[in-house]
């Protein structure tokens, strides 16, 4: 599903304009992008977004085989809530039974 499809679906279901949905989603994504290392964003029943720091590590250039050092960096991690996992797994079980 693309961003445009999400906007259209929410706008249609909630009876609001696409512009309103875009502003709300844009604000949500801005909050995610602006998270600091020690912050987390908890959406009850959906999951938790956290910022993690990956340590630097050794790697190889796939073209040359030369060893390189990959610098440390921050990554956004998502841990789904138990309720979300249950819903997803219930859907996949229903699909397999058909």
PDB file of N, CA and C in Angstrom:
ATOM      1  N   UNK A   1       0.853  -1.169   0.000  1.00  0.00           N
ATOM      2  CA  UNK A   1       0.000   0.000   0.000  1.00  0.00           C
ATOM      3  C   UNK A   1       0.900   1.235   0.000  1.00  0.00           C
ATOM      4  N   UNK A   2       0.587   2.189  -0.823  1.00  0.00           N
ATOM      5  CA  UNK A   2       1.379   3.413  -0.918  1.00  0.00           C
ATOM      6  C   UNK A   2       0.796   4.504  -0.020  1.00  0.00           C
ATOM      7  N   UNK A   3       1.579   5.568   0.156  1.00  0.00           N
ATOM      8  CA  UNK A   3       1.143   6.710   0.953  1.00  0.00           C
ATOM      9  C   UNK A   3      -0.166   7.282   0.395  1.00  0.00           C
ATOM     10  N   UNK A   4      -0.239   7.422  -0.922  1.00  0.00           N
ATOM     11  CA  UNK A   4      -1.435   7.972  -1.567  1.00  0.00           C
ATOM     12  C   UNK A   4      -2.646   7.083  -1.303  1.00  0.00           C
ATOM     13  N   UNK A   5      -2.469   5.777  -1.373  1.00  0.00           N
ATOM     14  CA  UNK A   5      -3.578   4.851  -1.112  1.00  0.00           C
ATOM     15  C   UNK A   5      -4.044   4.945   0.338  1.00  0.00           C
ATOM     16  N   UNK A   6      -3.096   5.091   1.259  1.00  0.00           N
ATOM     17  CA  UNK A   6      -3.458   5.240   2.675  1.00  0.00           C
ATOM     18  C   UNK A   6      -4.278   6.509   2.868  1.00  0.00           C
ATOM     19  N   UNK A   7      -3.830   7.616   2.277  1.00  0.00           N
ATOM     20  CA  UNK A   7      -4.545   8.895   2.396  1.00  0.00           C
ATOM     21  C   UNK A   7      -5.961   8.758   1.841  1.00  0.00           C
ATOM     22  N   UNK A   8      -6.096   8.163   0.663  1.00  0.00           N
ATOM     23  CA  UNK A   8      -7.416   8.001   0.042  1.00  0.00           C
ATOM     24  C   UNK A   8      -8.326   7.133   0.897  1.00  0.00           C
ATOM     25  N   UNK A   9      -7.808   6.038   1.417  1.00  0.00           N
ATOM     26  CA  UNK A   9      -8.612   5.117   2.219  1.00  0.00           C
ATOM     27  C   UNK A   9      -9.111   5.780   3.497  1.00  0.00           C
ATOM     28  N   UNK A  10      -8.211   6.465   4.199  1.00  0.00           N
ATOM     29  CA  UNK A  10      -8.601   7.122   5.450  1.00  0.00           C
ATOM     30  C   UNK A  10      -9.592   8.250   5.179  1.00  0.00           C
ATOM     31  N   UNK A  11      -9.336   9.044   4.149  1.00  0.00           N
ATOM     32  CA  UNK A  11     -10.237  10.157   3.819  1.00  0.00           C
ATOM     33  C   UNK A  11     -11.638   9.645   3.499  1.00  0.00           C
ATOM     34  N   UNK A  12     -11.705   8.586   2.716  1.00  0.00           N
ATOM     35  CA  UNK A  12     -13.006   8.015   2.340  1.00  0.00           C
ATOM     36  C   UNK A  12     -13.721   7.448   3.566  1.00  0.00           C
ATOM     37  N   UNK A  13     -12.996   6.680   4.389  1.00  0.00           N
ATOM     38  CA  UNK A  13     -13.605   6.021   5.548  1.00  0.00           C
ATOM     39  C   UNK A  13     -14.062   7.028   6.597  1.00  0.00           C
ATOM     40  N   UNK A  14     -13.277   8.077   6.836  1.00  0.00           N
ATOM     41  CA  UNK A  14     -13.597   9.044   7.888  1.00  0.00           C
ATOM     42  C   UNK A  14     -14.422  10.226   7.405  1.00  0.00           C
ATOM     43  N   UNK A  15     -14.596  10.349   6.096  1.00  0.00           N
ATOM     44  CA  UNK A  15     -15.411  11.433   5.565  1.00  0.00           C
ATOM     45  C   UNK A  15     -14.764  12.803   5.686  1.00  0.00           C
ATOM     46  N   UNK A  16     -13.429  12.844   5.592  1.00  0.00           N
ATOM     47  CA  UNK A  16     -12.706  14.117   5.640  1.00  0.00           C
ATOM     48  C   UNK A  16     -11.920  14.277   4.339  1.00  0.00           C
ATOM     49  N   UNK A  17     -11.393  15.473   4.133  1.00  0.00           N
ATOM     50  CA  UNK A  17     -10.665  15.718   2.893  1.00  0.00           C
ATOM     51  C   UNK A  17      -9.282  15.055   2.942  1.00  0.00           C
ATOM     52  N   UNK A  18      -8.752  14.809   1.767  1.00  0.00           N
ATOM     53  CA  UNK A  18      -7.414  14.220   1.660  1.00  0.00           C
ATOM     54  C   UNK A  18      -6.376  15.163   2.251  1.00  0.00           C
ATOM     55  N   UNK A  19      -6.608  16.463   2.124  1.00  0.00           N
ATOM     56  CA  UNK A  19      -5.673  17.452   2.649  1.00  0.00           C
ATOM     57  C   UNK A  19      -5.539  17.340   4.171  1.00  0.00           C
ATOM     58  N   UNK A  20      -6.654  17.128   4.841  1.00  0.00           N
ATOM     59  CA  UNK A  20      -6.636  16.976   6.304  1.00  0.00           C
ATOM     60  C   UNK A  20      -5.840  15.724   6.675  1.00  0.00           C
ATOM     61  N   UNK A  21      -6.089  14.638   5.988  1.00  0.00           N
ATOM     62  CA  UNK A  21      -5.391  13.379   6.269  1.00  0.00           C
ATOM     63  C   UNK A  21      -3.894  13.548   6.017  1.00  0.00           C
ATOM     64  N   UNK A  22      -3.531  14.226   4.929  1.00  0.00           N
ATOM     65  CA  UNK A  22      -2.110  14.448   4.626  1.00  0.00           C
ATOM     66  C   UNK A  22      -1.422  15.255   5.716  1.00  0.00           C
ATOM     67  N   UNK A  23      -2.112  16.269   6.245  1.00  0.00           N
ATOM     68  CA  UNK A  23      -1.522  17.090   7.315  1.00  0.00           C
ATOM     69  C   UNK A  23      -1.312  16.265   8.581  1.00  0.00           C
ATOM     70  N   UNK A  24      -2.294  15.433   8.924  1.00  0.00           N
ATOM     71  CA  UNK A  24      -2.176  14.613  10.130  1.00  0.00           C
ATOM     72  C   UNK A  24      -1.050  13.587   9.965  1.00  0.00           C
ATOM     73  N   UNK A  25      -1.038  12.883   8.838  1.00  0.00           N
ATOM     74  CA  UNK A  25       0.027  11.911   8.602  1.00  0.00           C
ATOM     75  C   UNK A  25       1.395  12.582   8.524  1.00  0.00           C
ATOM     76  N   UNK A  26       1.450  13.756   7.898  1.00  0.00           N
ATOM     77  CA  UNK A  26       2.703  14.498   7.823  1.00  0.00           C
ATOM     78  C   UNK A  26       3.229  14.855   9.204  1.00  0.00           C
ATOM     79  N   UNK A  27       2.339  15.279  10.089  1.00  0.00           N
ATOM     80  CA  UNK A  27       2.724  15.589  11.466  1.00  0.00           C
ATOM     81  C   UNK A  27       3.235  14.360  12.197  1.00  0.00           C
ATOM     82  N   UNK A  28       2.566  13.239  11.980  1.00  0.00           N
ATOM     83  CA  UNK A  28       2.989  11.985  12.607  1.00  0.00           C
ATOM     84  C   UNK A  28       4.390  11.610  12.137  1.00  0.00           C
ATOM     85  N   UNK A  29       4.631  11.683  10.831  1.00  0.00           N
ATOM     86  CA  UNK A  29       5.944  11.320  10.299  1.00  0.00           C
ATOM     87  C   UNK A  29       7.024  12.298  10.739  1.00  0.00           C
ATOM     88  N   UNK A  30       6.676  13.578  10.904  1.00  0.00           N
ATOM     89  CA  UNK A  30       7.633  14.554  11.423  1.00  0.00           C
ATOM     90  C   UNK A  30       8.048  14.201  12.845  1.00  0.00           C
ATOM     91  N   UNK A  31       7.086  13.767  13.652  1.00  0.00           N
ATOM     92  CA  UNK A  31       7.402  13.351  15.023  1.00  0.00           C
ATOM     93  C   UNK A  31       8.345  12.155  15.014  1.00  0.00           C
ATOM     94  N   UNK A  32       8.076  11.193  14.147  1.00  0.00           N
ATOM     95  CA  UNK A  32       8.970  10.027  14.055  1.00  0.00           C
ATOM     96  C   UNK A  32      10.373  10.447  13.638  1.00  0.00           C
ATOM     97  N   UNK A  33      10.472  11.305  12.651  1.00  0.00           N
ATOM     98  CA  UNK A  33      11.768  11.726  12.133  1.00  0.00           C
ATOM     99  C   UNK A  33      12.537  12.561  13.151  1.00  0.00           C
ATOM    100  N   UNK A  34      11.843  13.245  14.039  1.00  0.00           N
ATOM    101  CA  UNK A  34      12.496  14.114  15.003  1.00  0.00           C
ATOM    102  C   UNK A  34      12.807  13.458  16.334  1.00  0.00           C
ATOM    103  N   UNK A  35      12.597  12.166  16.445  1.00  0.00           N
ATOM    104  CA  UNK A  35      12.838  11.486  17.719  1.00  0.00           C
ATOM    105  C   UNK A  35      14.317  11.511  18.084  1.00  0.00           C
ATOM    106  N   UNK A  36      14.586  11.699  19.357  1.00  0.00           N
ATOM    107  CA  UNK A  36      15.950  11.660  19.871  1.00  0.00           C
ATOM    108  C   UNK A  36      16.249  10.249  20.366  1.00  0.00           C
ATOM    109  N   UNK A  37      17.499  10.017  20.717  1.00  0.00           N
ATOM    110  CA  UNK A  37      17.957   8.674  21.092  1.00  0.00           C
ATOM    111  C   UNK A  37      17.155   8.067  22.243  1.00  0.00           C
ATOM    112  N   UNK A  38      16.847   8.852  23.258  1.00  0.00           N
ATOM    113  CA  UNK A  38      16.196   8.305  24.445  1.00  0.00           C
ATOM    114  C   UNK A  38      14.678   8.353  24.393  1.00  0.00           C
ATOM    115  N   UNK A  39      14.113   8.738  23.270  1.00  0.00           N
ATOM    116  CA  UNK A  39      12.667   8.846  23.164  1.00  0.00           C
ATOM    117  C   UNK A  39      12.059   7.565  22.607  1.00  0.00           C
ATOM    118  N   UNK A  40      10.795   7.396  22.887  1.00  0.00           N
ATOM    119  CA  UNK A  40      10.038   6.335  22.238  1.00  0.00           C
ATOM    120  C   UNK A  40       8.627   6.861  21.989  1.00  0.00           C
ATOM    121  N   UNK A  41       7.986   6.316  20.976  1.00  0.00           N
ATOM    122  CA  UNK A  41       6.621   6.693  20.639  1.00  0.00           C
ATOM    123  C   UNK A  41       5.767   5.442  20.799  1.00  0.00           C
ATOM    124  N   UNK A  42       4.887   5.454  21.793  1.00  0.00           N
ATOM    125  CA  UNK A  42       4.079   4.290  22.111  1.00  0.00           C
ATOM    126  C   UNK A  42       2.664   4.519  21.598  1.00  0.00           C
ATOM    127  N   UNK A  43       2.188   3.639  20.736  1.00  0.00           N
ATOM    128  CA  UNK A  43       0.812   3.671  20.244  1.00  0.00           C
ATOM    129  C   UNK A  43       0.129   2.416  20.781  1.00  0.00           C
ATOM    130  N   UNK A  44      -0.634   2.586  21.836  1.00  0.00           N
ATOM    131  CA  UNK A  44      -1.271   1.449  22.513  1.00  0.00           C
ATOM    132  C   UNK A  44      -2.077   0.610  21.521  1.00  0.00           C
ATOM    133  N   UNK A  45      -1.879  -0.693  21.593  1.00  0.00           N
ATOM    134  CA  UNK A  45      -2.592  -1.602  20.715  1.00  0.00           C
ATOM    135  C   UNK A  45      -1.969  -1.732  19.336  1.00  0.00           C
ATOM    136  N   UNK A  46      -0.964  -0.910  19.034  1.00  0.00           N
ATOM    137  CA  UNK A  46      -0.310  -0.977  17.724  1.00  0.00           C
ATOM    138  C   UNK A  46       1.158  -1.354  17.858  1.00  0.00           C
ATOM    139  N   UNK A  47       1.913  -0.576  18.648  1.00  0.00           N
ATOM    140  CA  UNK A  47       3.318  -0.894  18.838  1.00  0.00           C
ATOM    141  C   UNK A  47       4.112   0.293  19.330  1.00  0.00           C
ATOM    142  N   UNK A  48       5.426   0.101  19.420  1.00  0.00           N
ATOM    143  CA  UNK A  48       6.323   1.116  19.939  1.00  0.00           C
ATOM    144  C   UNK A  48       7.452   1.388  18.955  1.00  0.00           C
ATOM    145  N   UNK A  49       7.668   2.663  18.653  1.00  0.00           N
ATOM    146  CA  UNK A  49       8.793   3.086  17.832  1.00  0.00           C
ATOM    147  C   UNK A  49       9.876   3.588  18.782  1.00  0.00           C
ATOM    148  N   UNK A  50      11.105   3.128  18.600  1.00  0.00           N
ATOM    149  CA  UNK A  50      12.224   3.591  19.408  1.00  0.00           C
ATOM    150  C   UNK A  50      13.418   3.873  18.499  1.00  0.00           C
ATOM    151  N   UNK A  51      14.317   4.718  18.987  1.00  0.00           N
ATOM    152  CA  UNK A  51      15.556   4.999  18.268  1.00  0.00           C
ATOM    153  C   UNK A  51      16.648   4.158  18.919  1.00  0.00           C
ATOM    154  N   UNK A  52      17.345   3.392  18.109  1.00  0.00           N
ATOM    155  CA  UNK A  52      18.451   2.578  18.600  1.00  0.00           C
ATOM    156  C   UNK A  52      19.731   3.020  17.908  1.00  0.00           C
ATOM    157  N   UNK A  53      20.827   2.828  18.603  1.00  0.00           N
ATOM    158  CA  UNK A  53      22.111   3.170  18.012  1.00  0.00           C
ATOM    159  C   UNK A  53      22.842   1.881  17.670  1.00  0.00           C
ATOM    160  N   UNK A  54      23.175   1.725  16.402  1.00  0.00           N
ATOM    161  CA  UNK A  54      23.932   0.558  15.962  1.00  0.00           C
ATOM    162  C   UNK A  54      25.409   0.874  16.076  1.00  0.00           C
ATOM    163  N   UNK A  55      26.161  -0.046  16.641  1.00  0.00           N
ATOM    164  CA  UNK A  55      27.601   0.150  16.809  1.00  0.00           C
ATOM    165  C   UNK A  55      28.298   0.066  15.459  1.00  0.00           C
ATOM    166  N   UNK A  56      29.500   0.653  15.389  1.00  0.00           N
ATOM    167  CA  UNK A  56      30.268   0.518  14.151  1.00  0.00           C
ATOM    168  C   UNK A  56      30.708  -0.941  14.028  1.00  0.00           C
ATOM    169  N   UNK A  57      30.938  -1.373  12.798  1.00  0.00           N
ATOM    170  CA  UNK A  57      31.296  -2.773  12.580  1.00  0.00           C
ATOM    171  C   UNK A  57      32.128  -2.912  11.315  1.00  0.00           C
ATOM    172  N   UNK A  58      32.755  -4.054  11.196  1.00  0.00           N
ATOM    173  CA  UNK A  58      33.551  -4.345  10.008  1.00  0.00           C
ATOM    174  C   UNK A  58      32.639  -4.904   8.929  1.00  0.00           C
ATOM    175  N   UNK A  59      32.921  -4.540   7.702  1.00  0.00           N
ATOM    176  CA  UNK A  59      32.155  -5.047   6.571  1.00  0.00           C
ATOM    177  C   UNK A  59      33.076  -5.207   5.377  1.00  0.00           C
ATOM    178  N   UNK A  60      32.514  -5.647   4.271  1.00  0.00           N
ATOM    179  CA  UNK A  60      33.300  -5.818   3.051  1.00  0.00           C
ATOM    180  C   UNK A  60      32.597  -5.143   1.889  1.00  0.00           C
ATOM    181  N   UNK A  61      33.382  -4.513   1.024  1.00  0.00           N
ATOM    182  CA  UNK A  61      32.861  -3.964  -0.212  1.00  0.00           C
ATOM    183  C   UNK A  61      32.550  -5.155  -1.116  1.00  0.00           C
ATOM    184  N   UNK A  62      31.298  -5.349  -1.528  1.00  0.00           N
ATOM    185  CA  UNK A  62      30.949  -6.527  -2.318  1.00  0.00           C
ATOM    186  C   UNK A  62      31.628  -6.579  -3.686  1.00  0.00           C
ATOM    187  N   UNK A  63      31.991  -5.441  -4.226  1.00  0.00           N
ATOM    188  CA  UNK A  63      32.652  -5.431  -5.543  1.00  0.00           C
ATOM    189  C   UNK A  63      34.122  -5.819  -5.465  1.00  0.00           C
ATOM    190  N   UNK A  64      34.816  -5.226  -4.465  1.00  0.00           N
ATOM    191  CA  UNK A  64      36.263  -5.417  -4.412  1.00  0.00           C
ATOM    192  C   UNK A  64      36.695  -6.419  -3.352  1.00  0.00           C
ATOM    193  N   UNK A  65      35.824  -6.709  -2.385  1.00  0.00           N
ATOM    194  CA  UNK A  65      36.191  -7.586  -1.287  1.00  0.00           C
ATOM    195  C   UNK A  65      37.015  -6.877  -0.226  1.00  0.00           C
ATOM    196  N   UNK A  66      37.267  -5.573  -0.423  1.00  0.00           N
ATOM    197  CA  UNK A  66      38.058  -4.789   0.516  1.00  0.00           C
ATOM    198  C   UNK A  66      37.302  -4.637   1.836  1.00  0.00           C
ATOM    199  N   UNK A  67      38.023  -4.795   2.954  1.00  0.00           N
ATOM    200  CA  UNK A  67      37.412  -4.638   4.264  1.00  0.00           C
ATOM    201  C   UNK A  67      37.231  -3.154   4.570  1.00  0.00           C
ATOM    202  N   UNK A  68      36.066  -2.800   5.073  1.00  0.00           N
ATOM    203  CA  UNK A  68      35.772  -1.411   5.419  1.00  0.00           C
ATOM    204  C   UNK A  68      35.152  -1.359   6.813  1.00  0.00           C
ATOM    205  N   UNK A  69      35.166  -0.180   7.412  1.00  0.00           N
ATOM    206  CA  UNK A  69      34.500   0.014   8.690  1.00  0.00           C
ATOM    207  C   UNK A  69      33.192   0.754   8.427  1.00  0.00           C
ATOM    208  N   UNK A  70      32.110   0.150   8.854  1.00  0.00           N
ATOM    209  CA  UNK A  70      30.788   0.770   8.720  1.00  0.00           C
ATOM    210  C   UNK A  70      30.568   1.595   9.989  1.00  0.00           C
ATOM    211  N   UNK A  71      30.376   2.903   9.865  1.00  0.00           N
ATOM    212  CA  UNK A  71      30.271   3.756  11.065  1.00  0.00           C
ATOM    213  C   UNK A  71      28.988   3.489  11.858  1.00  0.00           C
ATOM    214  N   UNK A  72      29.026   3.869  13.149  1.00  0.00           N
ATOM    215  CA  UNK A  72      27.818   3.715  13.965  1.00  0.00           C
ATOM    216  C   UNK A  72      26.747   4.660  13.434  1.00  0.00           C
ATOM    217  N   UNK A  73      25.492   4.296  13.679  1.00  0.00           N
ATOM    218  CA  UNK A  73      24.393   5.119  13.200  1.00  0.00           C
ATOM    219  C   UNK A  73      23.148   4.854  14.016  1.00  0.00           C
ATOM    220  N   UNK A  74      22.211   5.771  13.915  1.00  0.00           N
ATOM    221  CA  UNK A  74      20.928   5.613  14.591  1.00  0.00           C
ATOM    222  C   UNK A  74      19.939   4.972  13.628  1.00  0.00           C
ATOM    223  N   UNK A  75      19.097   4.085  14.159  1.00  0.00           N
ATOM    224  CA  UNK A  75      18.062   3.448  13.350  1.00  0.00           C
ATOM    225  C   UNK A  75      16.742   3.525  14.106  1.00  0.00           C
ATOM    226  N   UNK A  76      15.660   3.562  13.373  1.00  0.00           N
ATOM    227  CA  UNK A  76      14.329   3.555  13.966  1.00  0.00           C
ATOM    228  C   UNK A  76      13.854   2.110  14.028  1.00  0.00           C
ATOM    229  N   UNK A  77      13.475   1.666  15.207  1.00  0.00           N
ATOM    230  CA  UNK A  77      13.028   0.289  15.392  1.00  0.00           C
ATOM    231  C   UNK A  77      11.542   0.302  15.748  1.00  0.00           C
ATOM    232  N   UNK A  78      10.848  -0.747  15.353  1.00  0.00           N
ATOM    233  CA  UNK A  78       9.427  -0.882  15.663  1.00  0.00           C
ATOM    234  C   UNK A  78       9.191  -2.238  16.296  1.00  0.00           C
ATOM    235  N   UNK A  79       8.505  -2.234  17.431  1.00  0.00           N
ATOM    236  CA  UNK A  79       8.117  -3.478  18.089  1.00  0.00           C
ATOM    237  C   UNK A  79       6.595  -3.514  18.137  1.00  0.00           C
ATOM    238  N   UNK A  80       5.984  -4.443  17.406  1.00  0.00           N
ATOM    239  CA  UNK A  80       4.519  -4.482  17.379  1.00  0.00           C
ATOM    240  C   UNK A  80       3.936  -4.916  18.724  1.00  0.00           C
ATOM    241  N   UNK A  81       2.752  -4.405  19.026  1.00  0.00           N
ATOM    242  CA  UNK A  81       2.042  -4.772  20.246  1.00  0.00           C
ATOM    243  C   UNK A  81       1.481  -6.183  20.102  1.00  0.00           C
ATOM    244  N   UNK A  82       1.264  -6.822  21.234  1.00  0.00           N
ATOM    245  CA  UNK A  82       0.724  -8.187  21.231  1.00  0.00           C
ATOM    246  C   UNK A  82      -0.605  -8.271  20.496  1.00  0.00           C
ATOM    247  N   UNK A  83      -1.459  -7.272  20.716  1.00  0.00           N
ATOM    248  CA  UNK A  83      -2.769  -7.267  20.059  1.00  0.00           C
ATOM    249  C   UNK A  83      -2.650  -7.205  18.542  1.00  0.00           C
ATOM    250  N   UNK A  84      -1.726  -6.409  18.041  1.00  0.00           N
ATOM    251  CA  UNK A  84      -1.502  -6.320  16.596  1.00  0.00           C
ATOM    252  C   UNK A  84      -1.003  -7.651  16.054  1.00  0.00           C
ATOM    253  N   UNK A  85      -0.067  -8.271  16.744  1.00  0.00           N
ATOM    254  CA  UNK A  85       0.448  -9.569  16.302  1.00  0.00           C
ATOM    255  C   UNK A  85      -0.650 -10.631  16.276  1.00  0.00           C
ATOM    256  N   UNK A  86      -1.525 -10.603  17.287  1.00  0.00           N
ATOM    257  CA  UNK A  86      -2.634 -11.560  17.319  1.00  0.00           C
ATOM    258  C   UNK A  86      -3.557 -11.368  16.122  1.00  0.00           C
ATOM    259  N   UNK A  87      -3.872 -10.097  15.814  1.00  0.00           N
ATOM    260  CA  UNK A  87      -4.751  -9.834  14.660  1.00  0.00           C
ATOM    261  C   UNK A  87      -4.098 -10.278  13.363  1.00  0.00           C
ATOM    262  N   UNK A  88      -2.819  -9.980  13.195  1.00  0.00           N
ATOM    263  CA  UNK A  88      -2.118 -10.374  11.975  1.00  0.00           C
ATOM    264  C   UNK A  88      -2.059 -11.890  11.824  1.00  0.00           C
ATOM    265  N   UNK A  89      -1.759 -12.576  12.915  1.00  0.00           N
ATOM    266  CA  UNK A  89      -1.666 -14.027  12.851  1.00  0.00           C
ATOM    267  C   UNK A  89      -3.032 -14.681  12.668  1.00  0.00           C
ATOM    268  N   UNK A  90      -4.081 -14.084  13.216  1.00  0.00           N
ATOM    269  CA  UNK A  90      -5.430 -14.612  13.019  1.00  0.00           C
ATOM    270  C   UNK A  90      -5.825 -14.483  11.553  1.00  0.00           C
ATOM    271  N   UNK A  91      -5.458 -13.379  10.915  1.00  0.00           N
ATOM    272  CA  UNK A  91      -5.759 -13.189   9.498  1.00  0.00           C
ATOM    273  C   UNK A  91      -5.029 -14.211   8.644  1.00  0.00           C
ATOM    274  N   UNK A  92      -3.757 -14.465   8.951  1.00  0.00           N
ATOM    275  CA  UNK A  92      -2.996 -15.416   8.131  1.00  0.00           C
ATOM    276  C   UNK A  92      -3.534 -16.834   8.314  1.00  0.00           C
ATOM    277  N   UNK A  93      -4.019 -17.184   9.513  1.00  0.00           N
ATOM    278  CA  UNK A  93      -4.611 -18.509   9.718  1.00  0.00           C
ATOM    279  C   UNK A  93      -5.896 -18.659   8.926  1.00  0.00           C
ATOM    280  N   UNK A  94      -6.705 -17.593   8.861  1.00  0.00           N
ATOM    281  CA  UNK A  94      -7.946 -17.652   8.092  1.00  0.00           C
ATOM    282  C   UNK A  94      -7.649 -17.833   6.617  1.00  0.00           C
ATOM    283  N   UNK A  95      -6.622 -17.171   6.124  1.00  0.00           N
ATOM    284  CA  UNK A  95      -6.285 -17.278   4.697  1.00  0.00           C
ATOM    285  C   UNK A  95      -5.823 -18.694   4.347  1.00  0.00           C
ATOM    286  N   UNK A  96      -5.066 -19.329   5.245  1.00  0.00           N
ATOM    287  CA  UNK A  96      -4.578 -20.684   4.974  1.00  0.00           C
ATOM    288  C   UNK A  96      -5.703 -21.701   4.955  1.00  0.00           C
ATOM    289  N   UNK A  97      -6.760 -21.484   5.742  1.00  0.00           N
ATOM    290  CA  UNK A  97      -7.862 -22.439   5.810  1.00  0.00           C
ATOM    291  C   UNK A  97      -8.703 -22.445   4.548  1.00  0.00           C
ATOM    292  N   UNK A  98      -8.702 -21.347   3.796  1.00  0.00           N
ATOM    293  CA  UNK A  98      -9.552 -21.236   2.583  1.00  0.00           C
ATOM    294  C   UNK A  98      -9.097 -22.160   1.506  1.00  0.00           C
TER     295      UNK A  98
END
